[in-house]
Protein backbone atom coordinates (compact mmCIF):
# COMPACT_ATOMS: atom_id res chain seq x y z
CA UNK A 1 -20.07 13.17 1.50
CA UNK A 2 -17.94 11.45 -0.90
CA UNK A 3 -14.83 13.32 -1.83
CA UNK A 4 -12.30 12.61 -4.15
CA UNK A 5 -9.16 14.34 -4.37
CA UNK A 6 -6.50 14.26 -7.05
CA UNK A 7 -2.59 15.41 -7.08
CA UNK A 8 0.23 15.33 -9.06
CA UNK A 9 -0.56 17.42 -12.58
CA UNK A 10 1.79 20.06 -13.93
CA UNK A 11 4.07 20.93 -16.62
CA UNK A 12 6.45 18.69 -18.01
CA UNK A 13 8.55 18.14 -21.16
CA UNK A 14 7.67 15.87 -24.64
CA UNK A 15 9.64 12.62 -23.39
CA UNK A 16 8.90 13.58 -19.17
CA UNK A 17 6.97 11.43 -16.90
CA UNK A 18 4.20 12.41 -14.31
CA UNK A 19 2.46 10.45 -12.00
CA UNK A 20 -1.23 11.51 -10.37
CA UNK A 21 -2.96 10.43 -7.44
CA UNK A 22 -6.64 10.59 -5.99
CA UNK A 23 -7.71 9.46 -2.89
CA UNK A 24 -11.60 8.64 -2.21
CA UNK A 25 -12.36 9.90 1.18
CA UNK A 26 -16.21 10.17 3.04
CA UNK A 27 -18.91 7.33 3.96
CA UNK A 28 -17.68 4.27 1.51
CA UNK A 29 -19.35 0.97 1.99
CA UNK A 30 -17.18 -0.14 -1.05
CA UNK A 31 -15.05 0.84 -4.20
CA UNK A 32 -16.20 -1.18 -7.70
CA UNK A 33 -13.67 0.48 -9.80
CA UNK A 34 -11.43 3.95 -10.12
CA UNK A 35 -10.03 5.46 -13.16
CA UNK A 36 -8.69 8.24 -15.24
CA UNK A 37 -10.32 10.37 -17.79
CA UNK A 38 -9.26 12.98 -19.29
CA UNK A 39 -10.87 16.49 -21.42
CA UNK A 40 -8.58 18.00 -23.46
CA UNK A 41 -9.94 21.93 -24.91
CA UNK A 42 -12.63 21.40 -27.58
CA UNK A 43 -12.77 17.77 -26.85
CA UNK A 44 -14.77 15.01 -25.55
CA UNK A 45 -13.87 13.43 -22.22
CA UNK A 46 -12.50 10.05 -22.72
CA UNK A 47 -11.36 7.12 -20.71
CA UNK A 48 -7.15 7.13 -19.87
CA UNK A 49 -7.20 4.29 -18.00
CA UNK A 50 -9.28 2.44 -15.36
CA UNK A 51 -8.88 -0.70 -12.82
CA UNK A 52 -11.56 -2.87 -11.12
CA UNK A 53 -11.88 -4.22 -7.72
CA UNK A 54 -10.16 -7.77 -8.94
CA UNK A 55 -7.25 -5.92 -10.73
CA UNK A 56 -8.42 -5.80 -14.39
CA UNK A 57 -7.09 -2.84 -16.32
CA UNK A 58 -8.75 -1.19 -19.21
CA UNK A 59 -6.70 1.14 -21.47
CA UNK A 60 -7.02 3.36 -23.94
CA UNK A 61 -5.40 2.69 -27.30
CA UNK A 62 -3.33 6.01 -27.54
CA UNK A 63 -1.70 5.44 -23.67
CA UNK A 64 -1.09 1.70 -23.80
CA UNK A 65 2.89 0.99 -23.53
CA UNK A 66 3.15 4.85 -21.37
CA UNK A 67 1.16 4.30 -18.97
CA UNK A 68 -0.02 2.54 -15.80
CA UNK A 69 -2.74 2.35 -13.25
CA UNK A 70 -2.44 0.91 -9.43
CA UNK A 71 -4.78 1.48 -6.75
CA UNK A 72 -3.76 0.98 -3.40
CA UNK A 73 -7.33 -0.51 -1.67
CA UNK A 74 -6.10 0.35 1.91
CA UNK A 75 -6.22 3.76 0.79
CA UNK A 76 -9.06 3.91 -1.08
CA UNK A 77 -6.23 5.85 -3.94
CA UNK A 78 -5.68 4.99 -7.55
CA UNK A 79 -2.45 5.86 -9.35
CA UNK A 80 -1.89 7.02 -12.99
CA UNK A 81 2.11 6.56 -13.63
CA UNK A 82 2.47 8.07 -17.01
CA UNK A 83 5.50 7.61 -19.18
CA UNK A 84 6.96 9.17 -22.39
CA UNK A 85 4.45 11.86 -22.09
CA UNK A 86 3.36 13.74 -25.73
CA UNK A 87 1.92 17.15 -26.17
CA UNK A 88 -1.41 15.37 -27.23
CA UNK A 89 -1.54 13.63 -23.70
CA UNK A 90 -2.39 17.93 -22.14
CA UNK A 91 -5.89 17.91 -21.24
CA UNK A 92 -7.44 18.23 -17.53
CA UNK A 93 -7.02 14.87 -15.84
CA UNK A 94 -10.29 13.57 -13.90
CA UNK A 95 -10.38 10.69 -11.01
CA UNK A 96 -13.59 8.61 -11.43
CA UNK A 97 -14.80 6.23 -8.51
CA UNK A 98 -17.54 4.10 -9.13
CA UNK A 99 -18.69 3.03 -5.28
CA UNK A 100 -21.52 1.96 -2.87
CA UNK A 101 -22.58 3.96 -0.16
CA UNK A 102 -24.61 1.00 1.51
CA UNK A 103 -25.32 -2.79 0.21
CA UNK A 104 -28.65 -2.16 1.30
CA UNK A 105 -29.72 -0.49 -1.81
CA UNK A 106 -26.70 -1.63 -3.97
CA UNK A 107 -26.65 1.06 -5.69
CA UNK A 108 -23.65 2.19 -7.21
CA UNK A 109 -22.65 5.48 -7.76
CA UNK A 110 -20.11 7.71 -10.27
CA UNK A 111 -17.79 10.33 -8.30
CA UNK A 112 -15.64 12.84 -10.00
CA UNK A 113 -12.65 14.38 -8.68
CA UNK A 114 -12.32 18.29 -9.37
CA UNK A 115 -9.84 17.75 -11.93
CA UNK A 116 -5.85 18.33 -12.32
CA UNK A 117 -4.03 19.79 -15.58
CA UNK A 118 -0.96 18.40 -17.16
CA UNK A 119 0.82 19.90 -19.37
CA UNK A 120 3.28 18.61 -21.99
CA UNK A 121 5.08 20.94 -23.80
CA UNK A 122 7.02 20.06 -27.05
């Protein structure tokens, strides 16, 4: 059983900062990529930031320059440092990991965390 456990969400004023963490645990052979998505009420889930094993990153245009994703591969953990937060950043933030359970099949699975609420007040 693979689990992603997120932490770090909360209520912050506009212009403030938050750091989200997500730790993967369980029987994992390898993690190809980890990232963060968010879903605001009435909207579709969207990518915020992702990082592949080689260190390449991908950011949503709306957060570029304000958000930094990082990984600690030894701990199977991904972080999201969010600065200069805006009310439009309010959403449930979900951690995602694309991982391989066994090299025998080479099949990659997408696993999601339970989500953590980020609320930015104006």
